[in-house]
Amino acid sequence: MANTPQSKKRARQNEQRFAINKMRRSRIRTFLRKVEEAIASGKQDAAQAALREAQPELMRGVTKGVVHKNTAARKMSRLSSRVKALAA
């Protein structure tokens, strides 16, 4: 349990950051899930549109420190290759 005023304040700040980061992670996962569902449906144009919407959201997560840069790059690369494979 926090005892000093500074540690109490840090505990409050950590709770707030956790809530905000949780919200951002959830939003990113929602956009990624939409891409996955579009790929599963087999519609390439829908998948491409969903991917275009998910990309800035994922990169925003990188700038906010919610997702690591390489993780975001890997996810985008794998999703885009799967979307591209739908054309074949």
N, C-alpha and C. Protein backbone atom coordinates (compact mmCIF):
# COMPACT_ATOMS: atom_id res chain seq x y z
N MET A 1 0.85 -1.19 0.00
CA MET A 1 0.00 0.00 0.00
C MET A 1 0.88 1.24 0.00
N ALA A 2 0.48 2.25 -0.76
CA ALA A 2 1.25 3.50 -0.84
C ALA A 2 1.12 4.28 0.46
N ASN A 3 2.24 4.80 0.92
CA ASN A 3 2.23 5.54 2.19
C ASN A 3 2.47 7.03 2.02
N THR A 4 3.46 7.39 1.23
CA THR A 4 3.79 8.81 1.08
C THR A 4 2.83 9.46 0.08
N PRO A 5 2.66 10.77 0.17
CA PRO A 5 1.79 11.46 -0.80
C PRO A 5 2.24 11.23 -2.25
N GLN A 6 3.56 11.20 -2.46
CA GLN A 6 4.07 10.99 -3.82
C GLN A 6 3.69 9.60 -4.34
N SER A 7 3.84 8.58 -3.49
CA SER A 7 3.52 7.23 -3.94
C SER A 7 2.01 7.05 -4.13
N LYS A 8 1.22 7.77 -3.33
CA LYS A 8 -0.24 7.72 -3.53
C LYS A 8 -0.62 8.33 -4.87
N LYS A 9 0.03 9.45 -5.18
CA LYS A 9 -0.24 10.10 -6.47
C LYS A 9 0.18 9.20 -7.62
N ARG A 10 1.37 8.58 -7.51
CA ARG A 10 1.84 7.67 -8.57
C ARG A 10 0.86 6.52 -8.75
N ALA A 11 0.31 6.01 -7.66
CA ALA A 11 -0.67 4.92 -7.76
C ALA A 11 -1.91 5.37 -8.52
N ARG A 12 -2.37 6.60 -8.24
CA ARG A 12 -3.52 7.14 -8.97
C ARG A 12 -3.20 7.30 -10.45
N GLN A 13 -2.02 7.84 -10.73
CA GLN A 13 -1.62 8.04 -12.13
C GLN A 13 -1.51 6.71 -12.87
N ASN A 14 -0.96 5.70 -12.18
CA ASN A 14 -0.82 4.39 -12.82
C ASN A 14 -2.18 3.80 -13.17
N GLU A 15 -3.17 3.99 -12.29
CA GLU A 15 -4.52 3.49 -12.58
C GLU A 15 -5.09 4.18 -13.81
N GLN A 16 -4.90 5.50 -13.90
CA GLN A 16 -5.41 6.25 -15.04
C GLN A 16 -4.73 5.81 -16.34
N ARG A 17 -3.40 5.67 -16.31
CA ARG A 17 -2.67 5.24 -17.50
C ARG A 17 -3.10 3.84 -17.92
N PHE A 18 -3.29 2.95 -16.93
CA PHE A 18 -3.71 1.59 -17.23
C PHE A 18 -5.04 1.58 -17.95
N ALA A 19 -5.98 2.40 -17.48
CA ALA A 19 -7.30 2.47 -18.11
C ALA A 19 -7.21 2.99 -19.54
N ILE A 20 -6.40 4.04 -19.74
CA ILE A 20 -6.26 4.62 -21.07
C ILE A 20 -5.59 3.64 -22.02
N ASN A 21 -4.51 2.99 -21.54
CA ASN A 21 -3.79 2.04 -22.39
C ASN A 21 -4.66 0.83 -22.71
N LYS A 22 -5.48 0.40 -21.74
CA LYS A 22 -6.38 -0.73 -21.96
C LYS A 22 -7.38 -0.38 -23.07
N MET A 23 -7.88 0.85 -23.03
CA MET A 23 -8.83 1.32 -24.03
C MET A 23 -8.18 1.34 -25.41
N ARG A 24 -6.94 1.83 -25.47
CA ARG A 24 -6.23 1.88 -26.76
C ARG A 24 -5.95 0.49 -27.31
N ARG A 25 -5.50 -0.41 -26.43
CA ARG A 25 -5.24 -1.79 -26.87
C ARG A 25 -6.50 -2.45 -27.40
N SER A 26 -7.60 -2.22 -26.71
CA SER A 26 -8.88 -2.79 -27.12
C SER A 26 -9.29 -2.26 -28.49
N ARG A 27 -9.11 -0.97 -28.70
CA ARG A 27 -9.45 -0.34 -29.98
C ARG A 27 -8.60 -0.92 -31.11
N ILE A 28 -7.32 -1.11 -30.86
CA ILE A 28 -6.42 -1.69 -31.87
C ILE A 28 -6.85 -3.11 -32.20
N ARG A 29 -7.15 -3.89 -31.16
CA ARG A 29 -7.56 -5.28 -31.38
C ARG A 29 -8.86 -5.36 -32.19
N THR A 30 -9.77 -4.39 -31.96
CA THR A 30 -11.03 -4.36 -32.71
C THR A 30 -10.75 -4.16 -34.19
N PHE A 31 -9.87 -3.21 -34.52
CA PHE A 31 -9.53 -2.95 -35.91
C PHE A 31 -8.85 -4.17 -36.54
N LEU A 32 -7.96 -4.82 -35.79
CA LEU A 32 -7.28 -6.01 -36.32
C LEU A 32 -8.28 -7.15 -36.52
N ARG A 33 -9.25 -7.26 -35.62
CA ARG A 33 -10.25 -8.32 -35.75
C ARG A 33 -11.10 -8.10 -37.01
N LYS A 34 -11.39 -6.84 -37.32
CA LYS A 34 -12.16 -6.54 -38.53
C LYS A 34 -11.41 -6.98 -39.78
N VAL A 35 -10.09 -6.81 -39.77
CA VAL A 35 -9.27 -7.25 -40.90
C VAL A 35 -9.32 -8.77 -40.98
N GLU A 36 -9.16 -9.45 -39.84
CA GLU A 36 -9.20 -10.92 -39.81
C GLU A 36 -10.53 -11.44 -40.34
N GLU A 37 -11.62 -10.80 -39.94
CA GLU A 37 -12.95 -11.25 -40.39
C GLU A 37 -13.12 -11.03 -41.89
N ALA A 38 -12.59 -9.93 -42.39
CA ALA A 38 -12.68 -9.65 -43.83
C ALA A 38 -11.85 -10.66 -44.62
N ILE A 39 -10.70 -11.04 -44.08
CA ILE A 39 -9.87 -12.06 -44.74
C ILE A 39 -10.60 -13.39 -44.74
N ALA A 40 -11.22 -13.72 -43.60
CA ALA A 40 -11.94 -15.00 -43.49
C ALA A 40 -13.13 -15.04 -44.45
N SER A 41 -13.75 -13.89 -44.71
CA SER A 41 -14.89 -13.87 -45.62
C SER A 41 -14.46 -14.06 -47.07
N GLY A 42 -13.18 -13.77 -47.36
CA GLY A 42 -12.65 -13.98 -48.70
C GLY A 42 -12.82 -12.80 -49.64
N LYS A 43 -13.29 -11.68 -49.11
CA LYS A 43 -13.48 -10.49 -49.96
C LYS A 43 -12.24 -9.61 -49.86
N GLN A 44 -11.50 -9.51 -50.98
CA GLN A 44 -10.23 -8.80 -50.93
C GLN A 44 -10.41 -7.29 -50.75
N ASP A 45 -11.41 -6.70 -51.45
CA ASP A 45 -11.56 -5.25 -51.33
C ASP A 45 -11.99 -4.86 -49.91
N ALA A 46 -12.84 -5.68 -49.27
CA ALA A 46 -13.23 -5.39 -47.89
C ALA A 46 -12.04 -5.54 -46.96
N ALA A 47 -11.21 -6.55 -47.22
CA ALA A 47 -10.03 -6.79 -46.40
C ALA A 47 -9.03 -5.64 -46.55
N GLN A 48 -8.86 -5.16 -47.79
CA GLN A 48 -7.94 -4.05 -48.02
C GLN A 48 -8.43 -2.77 -47.33
N ALA A 49 -9.72 -2.54 -47.39
CA ALA A 49 -10.29 -1.35 -46.74
C ALA A 49 -10.10 -1.43 -45.22
N ALA A 50 -10.35 -2.61 -44.67
CA ALA A 50 -10.18 -2.80 -43.23
C ALA A 50 -8.71 -2.65 -42.83
N LEU A 51 -7.82 -3.12 -43.69
CA LEU A 51 -6.39 -3.00 -43.42
C LEU A 51 -5.94 -1.54 -43.45
N ARG A 52 -6.47 -0.78 -44.40
CA ARG A 52 -6.15 0.65 -44.49
C ARG A 52 -6.62 1.40 -43.24
N GLU A 53 -7.75 0.97 -42.67
CA GLU A 53 -8.25 1.61 -41.46
C GLU A 53 -7.45 1.18 -40.24
N ALA A 54 -6.97 -0.06 -40.24
CA ALA A 54 -6.26 -0.59 -39.08
C ALA A 54 -4.83 -0.06 -38.99
N GLN A 55 -4.21 0.24 -40.12
CA GLN A 55 -2.80 0.64 -40.12
C GLN A 55 -2.54 1.90 -39.29
N PRO A 56 -3.26 3.00 -39.50
CA PRO A 56 -2.97 4.18 -38.67
C PRO A 56 -3.27 3.95 -37.19
N GLU A 57 -4.27 3.12 -36.92
CA GLU A 57 -4.62 2.84 -35.53
C GLU A 57 -3.48 2.09 -34.83
N LEU A 58 -2.91 1.14 -35.55
CA LEU A 58 -1.79 0.36 -35.01
C LEU A 58 -0.56 1.24 -34.81
N MET A 59 -0.28 2.11 -35.77
CA MET A 59 0.87 3.00 -35.66
C MET A 59 0.66 4.04 -34.55
N ARG A 60 -0.58 4.44 -34.33
CA ARG A 60 -0.87 5.35 -33.22
C ARG A 60 -0.57 4.66 -31.88
N GLY A 61 -0.86 3.36 -31.82
CA GLY A 61 -0.52 2.60 -30.63
C GLY A 61 0.98 2.57 -30.38
N VAL A 62 1.76 2.57 -31.47
CA VAL A 62 3.22 2.61 -31.34
C VAL A 62 3.66 3.94 -30.75
N THR A 63 3.13 5.04 -31.29
CA THR A 63 3.55 6.36 -30.81
C THR A 63 3.12 6.59 -29.37
N LYS A 64 2.02 5.96 -28.94
CA LYS A 64 1.54 6.13 -27.58
C LYS A 64 2.21 5.16 -26.61
N GLY A 65 3.01 4.24 -27.15
CA GLY A 65 3.74 3.32 -26.29
C GLY A 65 2.94 2.11 -25.84
N VAL A 66 1.83 1.83 -26.51
CA VAL A 66 1.00 0.69 -26.14
C VAL A 66 1.51 -0.58 -26.83
N VAL A 67 2.01 -0.42 -28.05
CA VAL A 67 2.51 -1.54 -28.85
C VAL A 67 3.94 -1.23 -29.25
N HIS A 68 4.78 -2.26 -29.26
CA HIS A 68 6.16 -2.07 -29.70
C HIS A 68 6.19 -1.89 -31.22
N LYS A 69 7.15 -1.11 -31.68
CA LYS A 69 7.25 -0.77 -33.11
C LYS A 69 7.40 -2.03 -33.97
N ASN A 70 8.27 -2.95 -33.56
CA ASN A 70 8.49 -4.15 -34.36
C ASN A 70 7.26 -5.07 -34.35
N THR A 71 6.55 -5.09 -33.25
CA THR A 71 5.32 -5.89 -33.16
C THR A 71 4.29 -5.36 -34.16
N ALA A 72 4.13 -4.05 -34.20
CA ALA A 72 3.18 -3.44 -35.12
C ALA A 72 3.60 -3.70 -36.56
N ALA A 73 4.89 -3.58 -36.86
CA ALA A 73 5.38 -3.81 -38.21
C ALA A 73 5.15 -5.26 -38.62
N ARG A 74 5.38 -6.18 -37.69
CA ARG A 74 5.18 -7.60 -37.98
C ARG A 74 3.70 -7.90 -38.26
N LYS A 75 2.82 -7.35 -37.43
CA LYS A 75 1.38 -7.57 -37.63
C LYS A 75 0.92 -7.02 -38.98
N MET A 76 1.37 -5.80 -39.31
CA MET A 76 0.98 -5.20 -40.58
C MET A 76 1.51 -6.01 -41.75
N SER A 77 2.74 -6.46 -41.65
CA SER A 77 3.34 -7.24 -42.73
C SER A 77 2.58 -8.55 -42.96
N ARG A 78 2.30 -9.24 -41.89
CA ARG A 78 1.60 -10.53 -42.02
C ARG A 78 0.18 -10.36 -42.52
N LEU A 79 -0.51 -9.32 -42.03
CA LEU A 79 -1.88 -9.09 -42.49
C LEU A 79 -1.90 -8.68 -43.96
N SER A 80 -0.97 -7.81 -44.35
CA SER A 80 -0.97 -7.35 -45.74
C SER A 80 -0.63 -8.49 -46.69
N SER A 81 0.25 -9.40 -46.27
CA SER A 81 0.57 -10.53 -47.14
C SER A 81 -0.62 -11.47 -47.26
N ARG A 82 -1.38 -11.60 -46.18
CA ARG A 82 -2.59 -12.46 -46.24
C ARG A 82 -3.67 -11.83 -47.12
N VAL A 83 -3.80 -10.50 -47.05
CA VAL A 83 -4.77 -9.79 -47.90
C VAL A 83 -4.35 -9.92 -49.36
N LYS A 84 -3.05 -9.78 -49.61
CA LYS A 84 -2.53 -9.89 -50.97
C LYS A 84 -2.76 -11.29 -51.54
N ALA A 85 -2.66 -12.30 -50.67
CA ALA A 85 -2.85 -13.69 -51.10
C ALA A 85 -4.30 -13.98 -51.52
N LEU A 86 -5.23 -13.14 -51.08
CA LEU A 86 -6.63 -13.36 -51.47
C LEU A 86 -6.84 -13.15 -52.97
N ALA A 87 -6.00 -12.31 -53.58
CA ALA A 87 -6.13 -12.04 -55.01
C ALA A 87 -5.80 -13.26 -55.85
N ALA A 88 -4.88 -14.08 -55.34
CA ALA A 88 -4.44 -15.25 -56.11
C ALA A 88 -5.44 -16.39 -56.06
